[in-house]
Amino acid sequence: MKGNQLNSDSIEGRRDPERHQTDESLRKERHKTDRALADRQTTVDEDADMVVHRARQNADAVLNVARDNADAVLNAAHDKADERQNRAVIEARALEDEALRDERAYADESLRLERDAGAALARLLPLERAKTDRSLLTERARSDVALSNRDDFLGIVTHDLRDLLGGIVTSSALLLKRAAKNEEGQQTLVETQRIERYAARMNRLIGDLLDVASIDAGKLAVNAVQGDWTGLVDEAADTFKAAASAKGISLKTDIAGQPLLGRFDHDRMLQVLGNLLSNAIKFTAQGGGITLRGERVGEELRFCVSDTGMGIPENSLTSIFERFWQVGQNDRRGLGLGLYISRCIVEAHGGSIWAESKPGQGSRMCFKLPR
């Protein structure tokens, strides 16, 4: 790590985890297939050799018996000086030898054809694999082009949307300045403040979409400098105290040991704390409480946001940090990107993030970073 730049190599390494996992699985599967094919071919060859060997042993045994009988007949015929009988025995033996040679030749040819078929299959397999690889690369190239076009389109649209939002906020500010000091002016004040809140929310959603595009492209910008986390924790809490108070929720901070020094990107980590606090406020009922705690644990810094909300099911404790995660199908309180972006930012700092919860007993979102 050079200077004050904390690059996003950890994000780059996770740029296409599904693709890397697919390649690794394909490699392992092919290795297993090759071994199984080689073992099967070896077994087939051994079985075929054994069958041929046994057949030849049987044939040799039958031939020996036949020859012994023929020799006995030949000796008897010789004793009787029967030349005709001798010729008949010799001709019979020649026929038997020829039949045996034909049988062996047929068995050898069958074995050769079977082995040639196995060799042809072994030669065909790389061709099929090459074809599969070409199809896979073509599909990936098309996907990459589609993603690139999507990112370009998203960049253009978000830029235009932010320009329009800027105009809306500017017009709202002008209306606020021109509002009369009467009851009608107070109503104008309320409406303009509502417009500004909606515009701020839209701006955050646009920012989340841009961050996801940057993460997918491996270009999440993270610039770390040495600083004290205490001020950042207080800043995050102050930002959300009004939102918590509006719901009747108490929000407090707890810093164990000061200062909490470390290298971090101020704006990005403020974004992480903001996402955790916003999530806690969203799912904590009126009259509940939220605590933001920071502490040093060994050679690490740990930060946790605890709430008294409804809690998280155990089977969702890891999935909540995936993109587009929602509590339920009908939940419309955001895009489900905040915790995913927070995870990527924390990991880009060399840390990790997790959740602890039991349904009905609140939840605790924590992350830790190296000092």
Protein backbone atom coordinates (compact mmCIF):
# COMPACT_ATOMS: atom_id res chain seq x y z
CA MET A 1 0.00 0.00 0.00
CA LYS A 2 1.64 3.23 -1.09
CA GLY A 3 0.97 6.74 0.23
CA ASN A 4 -2.57 7.33 1.32
CA GLN A 5 -4.10 5.16 -1.37
CA LEU A 6 -5.90 2.02 -0.20
CA ASN A 7 -6.68 0.34 -3.49
CA SER A 8 -9.52 -2.04 -4.15
CA ASP A 9 -7.50 -5.16 -4.99
CA SER A 10 -9.72 -7.18 -2.69
CA ILE A 11 -12.72 -6.07 -4.75
CA GLU A 12 -10.86 -6.78 -8.00
CA GLY A 13 -10.19 -10.29 -6.76
CA ARG A 14 -13.92 -10.77 -6.28
CA ARG A 15 -14.91 -9.13 -9.53
CA ASP A 16 -16.38 -12.29 -11.04
CA PRO A 17 -16.63 -14.86 -8.23
CA GLU A 18 -19.30 -16.89 -10.04
CA ARG A 19 -17.13 -17.09 -13.16
CA HIS A 20 -14.05 -18.22 -11.23
CA GLN A 21 -16.13 -20.75 -9.33
CA THR A 22 -17.55 -22.11 -12.60
CA ASP A 23 -14.06 -22.45 -14.10
CA GLU A 24 -12.74 -24.21 -11.01
CA SER A 25 -15.70 -26.60 -10.88
CA LEU A 26 -15.30 -27.37 -14.59
CA ARG A 27 -11.59 -28.05 -14.14
CA LYS A 28 -12.20 -30.42 -11.21
CA GLU A 29 -15.01 -32.21 -13.06
CA ARG A 30 -12.85 -32.69 -16.13
CA HIS A 31 -10.01 -34.06 -14.00
CA LYS A 32 -12.38 -36.57 -12.40
CA THR A 33 -13.75 -37.55 -15.83
CA ASP A 34 -10.24 -38.10 -17.22
CA ARG A 35 -9.29 -40.31 -14.29
CA ALA A 36 -12.52 -42.29 -14.50
CA LEU A 37 -12.09 -42.73 -18.27
CA ALA A 38 -8.48 -43.86 -17.86
CA ASP A 39 -9.41 -46.30 -15.09
CA ARG A 40 -12.30 -47.66 -17.14
CA GLN A 41 -10.10 -48.12 -20.22
CA THR A 42 -7.47 -49.91 -18.13
CA THR A 43 -10.13 -52.19 -16.67
CA VAL A 44 -11.56 -52.96 -20.12
CA ASP A 45 -8.10 -53.78 -21.50
CA GLU A 46 -7.28 -56.03 -18.55
CA ASP A 47 -10.64 -57.82 -18.78
CA ALA A 48 -10.23 -58.32 -22.52
CA ASP A 49 -6.70 -59.64 -22.13
CA MET A 50 -7.88 -62.02 -19.42
CA VAL A 51 -10.74 -63.32 -21.57
CA VAL A 52 -8.44 -63.88 -24.53
CA HIS A 53 -5.84 -65.53 -22.32
CA ARG A 54 -8.37 -67.91 -20.83
CA ALA A 55 -9.84 -68.70 -24.25
CA ARG A 56 -6.40 -69.51 -25.57
CA GLN A 57 -5.64 -71.71 -22.57
CA ASN A 58 -8.89 -73.63 -23.13
CA ALA A 59 -8.22 -73.94 -26.83
CA ASP A 60 -4.66 -75.14 -26.20
CA ALA A 61 -5.93 -77.68 -23.67
CA VAL A 62 -8.52 -79.00 -26.16
CA LEU A 63 -5.89 -79.10 -28.88
CA ASN A 64 -3.43 -80.99 -26.70
CA VAL A 65 -6.08 -83.60 -25.89
CA ALA A 66 -6.97 -83.89 -29.56
CA ARG A 67 -3.31 -84.23 -30.50
CA ASP A 68 -2.72 -86.86 -27.83
CA ASN A 69 -5.66 -88.83 -29.24
CA ALA A 70 -4.38 -88.32 -32.77
CA ASP A 71 -0.89 -89.41 -31.75
CA ALA A 72 -2.33 -92.52 -30.15
CA VAL A 73 -4.23 -93.30 -33.35
CA LEU A 74 -1.10 -92.49 -35.38
CA ASN A 75 1.05 -94.82 -33.32
CA ALA A 76 -1.52 -97.58 -33.60
CA ALA A 77 -1.75 -97.00 -37.34
CA HIS A 78 2.04 -96.96 -37.64
CA ASP A 79 2.24 -100.21 -35.86
CA LYS A 80 -0.14 -101.65 -38.41
CA ALA A 81 1.76 -99.91 -41.21
CA ASP A 82 -1.41 -98.30 -42.37
CA GLU A 83 -0.12 -95.37 -44.46
CA ARG A 84 -3.64 -94.25 -45.37
CA GLN A 85 -4.56 -93.83 -41.72
CA ASN A 86 -1.41 -91.80 -41.11
CA ARG A 87 -2.30 -89.33 -43.84
CA ALA A 88 -5.83 -88.93 -42.47
CA VAL A 89 -4.52 -88.12 -38.99
CA ILE A 90 -2.01 -85.60 -40.34
CA GLU A 91 -4.71 -83.86 -42.39
CA ALA A 92 -7.06 -83.71 -39.36
CA ARG A 93 -4.31 -82.12 -37.24
CA ALA A 94 -3.62 -79.52 -39.95
CA LEU A 95 -7.32 -78.62 -40.08
CA GLU A 96 -7.48 -78.25 -36.31
CA ASP A 97 -4.39 -76.01 -36.29
CA GLU A 98 -5.87 -73.81 -39.02
CA ALA A 99 -9.18 -73.51 -37.16
CA LEU A 100 -7.32 -72.52 -34.01
CA ARG A 101 -5.34 -69.87 -35.90
CA ASP A 102 -8.56 -68.47 -37.36
CA GLU A 103 -10.20 -68.34 -33.94
CA ARG A 104 -7.23 -66.56 -32.43
CA ALA A 105 -7.07 -64.09 -35.32
CA TYR A 106 -10.78 -63.32 -34.86
CA ALA A 107 -10.30 -62.76 -31.10
CA ASP A 108 -7.28 -60.54 -31.72
CA GLU A 109 -9.18 -58.49 -34.31
CA SER A 110 -12.16 -58.05 -31.96
CA LEU A 111 -9.84 -56.89 -29.20
CA ARG A 112 -8.08 -54.46 -31.56
CA LEU A 113 -11.39 -52.96 -32.72
CA GLU A 114 -12.56 -52.50 -29.13
CA ARG A 115 -9.34 -50.76 -28.17
CA ASP A 116 -9.47 -48.59 -31.29
CA ALA A 117 -12.99 -47.50 -30.28
CA GLY A 118 -11.70 -46.51 -26.84
CA ALA A 119 -8.83 -44.57 -28.40
CA ALA A 120 -11.23 -42.81 -30.76
CA LEU A 121 -13.39 -41.79 -27.80
CA ALA A 122 -10.31 -40.44 -26.03
CA ARG A 123 -9.43 -38.38 -29.13
CA LEU A 124 -13.00 -37.14 -29.48
CA LEU A 125 -13.21 -35.88 -25.89
CA PRO A 126 -10.72 -32.97 -26.36
CA LEU A 127 -12.62 -31.89 -29.49
CA GLU A 128 -15.89 -31.79 -27.58
CA ARG A 129 -14.22 -29.87 -24.78
CA ALA A 130 -12.74 -27.36 -27.20
CA LYS A 131 -16.18 -26.80 -28.67
CA THR A 132 -17.65 -26.30 -25.20
CA ASP A 133 -14.87 -23.83 -24.32
CA ARG A 134 -15.50 -21.84 -27.50
CA SER A 135 -19.22 -21.64 -26.73
CA LEU A 136 -18.51 -20.61 -23.16
CA LEU A 137 -16.07 -17.88 -24.22
CA THR A 138 -18.54 -16.58 -26.80
CA GLU A 139 -21.30 -16.43 -24.20
CA ARG A 140 -19.01 -14.65 -21.75
CA ALA A 141 -17.94 -12.12 -24.37
CA ARG A 142 -21.58 -11.31 -25.07
CA SER A 143 -22.26 -10.99 -21.35
CA ASP A 144 -19.28 -8.66 -20.93
CA VAL A 145 -20.49 -6.46 -23.77
CA ALA A 146 -23.99 -6.38 -22.27
CA LEU A 147 -22.60 -5.42 -18.86
CA SER A 148 -20.41 -2.74 -20.38
CA ASN A 149 -23.38 -1.27 -22.24
CA ARG A 150 -25.42 -1.42 -19.03
CA ASP A 151 -22.75 0.43 -17.07
CA ASP A 152 -22.42 3.11 -19.75
CA PHE A 153 -26.18 3.56 -19.85
CA LEU A 154 -26.37 3.67 -16.06
CA GLY A 155 -23.65 6.32 -15.92
CA ILE A 156 -25.43 8.54 -18.45
CA VAL A 157 -28.85 8.14 -16.82
CA THR A 158 -27.62 8.76 -13.28
CA HIS A 159 -25.73 11.87 -14.40
CA ASP A 160 -28.87 13.27 -16.00
CA LEU A 161 -31.01 12.33 -12.99
CA ARG A 162 -28.64 14.11 -10.63
CA ASP A 163 -28.76 17.22 -12.78
CA LEU A 164 -32.56 17.14 -12.62
CA LEU A 165 -32.50 16.57 -8.86
CA GLY A 166 -30.13 19.51 -8.48
CA GLY A 167 -32.65 21.69 -10.31
CA ILE A 168 -35.47 20.46 -8.08
CA VAL A 169 -33.50 21.19 -4.90
CA THR A 170 -32.51 24.64 -6.19
CA SER A 171 -36.12 25.51 -7.02
CA SER A 172 -37.22 24.25 -3.61
CA ALA A 173 -34.64 26.48 -1.91
CA LEU A 174 -35.88 29.51 -3.87
CA LEU A 175 -39.47 28.79 -2.86
CA LEU A 176 -38.34 28.51 0.75
CA LYS A 177 -36.64 31.92 0.63
CA ARG A 178 -39.71 33.56 -0.91
CA ALA A 179 -42.16 32.00 1.51
CA ALA A 180 -44.27 34.55 3.35
CA LYS A 181 -44.15 34.82 7.13
CA ASN A 182 -47.73 33.68 7.57
CA GLU A 183 -49.70 30.46 7.76
CA GLU A 184 -49.52 29.93 4.02
CA GLY A 185 -45.77 30.48 4.16
CA GLN A 186 -45.47 27.84 6.89
CA GLN A 187 -47.29 25.37 4.67
CA THR A 188 -44.87 26.19 1.86
CA LEU A 189 -41.98 25.57 4.26
CA VAL A 190 -43.31 22.13 5.16
CA GLU A 191 -43.77 21.13 1.53
CA THR A 192 -40.36 22.38 0.41
CA GLN A 193 -38.67 20.46 3.23
CA ARG A 194 -40.53 17.35 2.12
CA ILE A 195 -39.30 17.88 -1.43
CA GLU A 196 -35.73 18.18 -0.19
CA ARG A 197 -36.05 14.95 1.81
CA TYR A 198 -37.39 13.09 -1.20
CA ALA A 199 -34.60 14.52 -3.38
CA ALA A 200 -31.97 13.46 -0.83
CA ARG A 201 -33.39 9.94 -0.76
CA MET A 202 -33.39 9.73 -4.55
CA ASN A 203 -29.79 10.96 -4.58
CA ARG A 204 -28.79 8.21 -2.15
CA LEU A 205 -30.46 5.56 -4.30
CA ILE A 206 -28.63 6.82 -7.36
CA GLY A 207 -25.38 6.75 -5.41
CA ASP A 208 -26.02 3.14 -4.41
CA LEU A 209 -26.57 2.11 -8.02
CA LEU A 210 -23.33 3.81 -9.07
CA ASP A 211 -21.44 2.12 -6.24
CA VAL A 212 -22.73 -1.30 -7.30
CA ALA A 213 -21.64 -0.64 -10.88
CA SER A 214 -18.18 0.39 -9.61
CA ILE A 215 -17.95 -2.76 -7.47
CA ASP A 216 -18.89 -4.98 -10.40
CA ALA A 217 -16.21 -3.28 -12.50
CA GLY A 218 -13.61 -3.66 -9.75
CA LYS A 219 -13.25 0.14 -9.51
CA LEU A 220 -14.55 0.94 -6.04
CA ALA A 221 -12.57 4.02 -5.00
CA VAL A 222 -11.21 3.84 -1.44
CA ASN A 223 -8.64 6.40 -0.21
CA ALA A 224 -7.40 5.77 3.34
CA VAL A 225 -5.66 8.26 5.60
CA GLN A 226 -4.65 8.10 9.23
CA GLY A 227 -7.37 9.44 11.51
CA ASP A 228 -9.39 9.10 14.71
CA TRP A 229 -12.59 7.09 14.54
CA THR A 230 -14.09 8.94 17.50
CA GLY A 231 -15.00 11.99 15.44
CA LEU A 232 -16.41 9.82 12.65
CA VAL A 233 -18.63 7.89 15.08
CA ASP A 234 -19.97 11.14 16.57
CA GLU A 235 -20.58 12.56 13.10
CA ALA A 236 -22.55 9.49 12.02
CA ALA A 237 -24.67 9.54 15.19
CA ASP A 238 -25.40 13.27 14.87
CA THR A 239 -26.51 12.76 11.27
CA PHE A 240 -29.18 10.23 12.26
CA LYS A 241 -30.31 11.51 15.63
CA ALA A 242 -33.09 13.56 14.07
CA ALA A 243 -34.42 10.57 12.10
CA ALA A 244 -34.28 8.38 15.23
CA SER A 245 -36.02 11.04 17.36
CA ALA A 246 -38.81 11.34 14.80
CA LYS A 247 -39.63 7.66 15.42
CA GLY A 248 -39.24 7.95 19.19
CA ILE A 249 -35.99 5.94 19.16
CA SER A 250 -33.02 6.76 21.37
CA LEU A 251 -29.62 6.82 19.67
CA LYS A 252 -26.40 6.89 21.68
CA THR A 253 -22.71 6.23 21.16
CA ASP A 254 -20.28 4.24 23.28
CA ILE A 255 -16.55 4.64 22.64
CA ALA A 256 -14.36 2.28 24.66
CA GLY A 257 -10.96 3.94 24.92
CA GLN A 258 -9.88 7.05 23.06
CA PRO A 259 -8.49 7.82 20.64
CA LEU A 260 -9.35 5.04 18.15
CA LEU A 261 -6.64 5.61 15.56
CA GLY A 262 -6.53 3.85 12.23
CA ARG A 263 -6.30 4.25 8.46
CA PHE A 264 -9.66 4.65 6.76
CA ASP A 265 -11.54 6.50 4.05
CA HIS A 266 -13.64 9.02 5.97
CA ASP A 267 -16.48 9.37 3.44
CA ARG A 268 -16.70 5.64 2.68
CA MET A 269 -16.71 4.58 6.33
CA LEU A 270 -19.26 7.29 7.11
CA GLN A 271 -21.33 5.66 4.37
CA VAL A 272 -20.96 2.27 6.11
CA LEU A 273 -21.97 3.62 9.53
CA GLY A 274 -24.82 5.51 7.91
CA ASN A 275 -26.11 2.34 6.23
CA LEU A 276 -25.98 0.40 9.50
CA LEU A 277 -27.70 3.16 11.47
CA SER A 278 -30.33 3.70 8.78
CA ASN A 279 -31.04 -0.04 8.72
CA ALA A 280 -31.36 -0.12 12.53
CA ILE A 281 -33.77 2.84 12.56
CA LYS A 282 -35.81 1.23 9.77
CA PHE A 283 -36.44 -1.97 11.73
CA THR A 284 -36.69 -0.65 15.28
CA ALA A 285 -40.14 0.12 16.65
CA GLN A 286 -41.11 3.34 18.41
CA GLY A 287 -39.69 3.55 21.91
CA GLY A 288 -36.71 1.32 21.06
CA GLY A 289 -33.04 2.09 21.32
CA ILE A 290 -29.89 2.00 19.15
CA THR A 291 -26.29 2.01 20.30
CA LEU A 292 -23.22 2.68 18.15
CA ARG A 293 -20.13 1.28 19.87
CA GLY A 294 -16.47 1.46 18.91
CA GLU A 295 -13.57 -0.28 20.64
CA ARG A 296 -10.08 -1.62 20.22
CA VAL A 297 -9.78 -5.41 20.39
CA GLY A 298 -6.17 -6.54 20.25
CA GLU A 299 -4.74 -5.36 16.95
CA GLU A 300 -8.18 -4.65 15.49
CA LEU A 301 -10.82 -1.94 15.67
CA ARG A 302 -14.39 -3.16 16.08
CA PHE A 303 -17.62 -1.22 15.57
CA CYS A 304 -21.14 -2.45 16.26
CA VAL A 305 -24.62 -1.02 15.80
CA SER A 306 -27.06 -2.69 18.22
CA ASP A 307 -30.82 -2.22 18.14
CA THR A 308 -33.93 -3.47 19.91
CA GLY A 309 -35.77 -4.24 16.68
CA MET A 310 -37.55 -7.33 15.48
CA GLY A 311 -34.33 -9.28 14.85
CA ILE A 312 -33.18 -11.34 11.89
CA PRO A 313 -33.88 -15.05 11.25
CA GLU A 314 -30.78 -17.20 11.66
CA ASN A 315 -30.89 -18.43 8.06
CA SER A 316 -30.67 -14.81 6.82
CA LEU A 317 -27.68 -13.64 8.87
CA THR A 318 -25.29 -14.08 5.94
CA SER A 319 -27.66 -13.34 3.05
CA ILE A 320 -28.47 -9.83 4.36
CA PHE A 321 -25.11 -8.70 2.98
CA GLU A 322 -25.96 -9.82 -0.55
CA ARG A 323 -27.25 -7.38 -3.11
CA PHE A 324 -31.00 -6.70 -3.37
CA TRP A 325 -31.70 -8.53 -0.12
CA GLN A 326 -35.06 -7.63 1.45
CA VAL A 327 -36.72 -8.67 4.70
CA GLY A 328 -39.76 -9.89 2.78
CA GLN A 329 -41.21 -9.94 -0.71
CA ASN A 330 -43.44 -6.98 0.06
CA ASP A 331 -40.72 -4.88 1.68
CA ARG A 332 -40.24 -1.66 -0.28
CA ARG A 333 -38.02 0.24 2.14
CA GLY A 334 -35.04 0.52 -0.19
CA LEU A 335 -33.28 -1.44 -2.93
CA GLY A 336 -31.49 -3.79 -0.56
CA LEU A 337 -28.06 -2.49 -1.58
CA GLY A 338 -26.87 -0.67 1.54
CA LEU A 339 -25.52 -3.67 3.45
CA TYR A 340 -24.00 -5.17 0.31
CA ILE A 341 -22.14 -1.93 -0.43
CA SER A 342 -21.08 -1.71 3.22
CA ARG A 343 -19.61 -5.21 3.02
CA CYS A 344 -17.62 -4.33 -0.09
CA ILE A 345 -16.27 -1.12 1.47
CA VAL A 346 -15.24 -2.92 4.66
CA GLU A 347 -13.55 -5.69 2.71
CA ALA A 348 -11.72 -3.09 0.58
CA HIS A 349 -10.27 -1.82 3.89
CA GLY A 350 -9.06 -5.34 4.70
CA GLY A 351 -11.83 -6.02 7.23
CA SER A 352 -14.93 -8.16 7.59
CA ILE A 353 -18.57 -7.57 8.52
CA TRP A 354 -21.20 -9.80 10.09
CA ALA A 355 -24.55 -9.83 11.89
CA GLU A 356 -25.66 -11.30 15.21
CA SER A 357 -29.34 -11.62 16.01
CA LYS A 358 -32.20 -13.64 17.42
CA PRO A 359 -35.78 -13.06 16.28
CA GLY A 360 -37.60 -10.79 18.73
CA GLN A 361 -34.39 -9.85 20.58
CA GLY A 362 -32.94 -7.20 18.33
CA SER A 363 -29.82 -7.45 16.21
CA ARG A 364 -26.21 -6.32 16.13
CA MET A 365 -24.29 -5.41 12.98
CA CYS A 366 -20.52 -5.44 13.46
CA PHE A 367 -17.41 -4.92 11.40
CA LYS A 368 -13.74 -5.07 12.27
CA LEU A 369 -10.69 -3.53 10.64
CA PRO A 370 -6.95 -3.89 11.18
CA ARG A 371 -5.46 -0.97 13.12
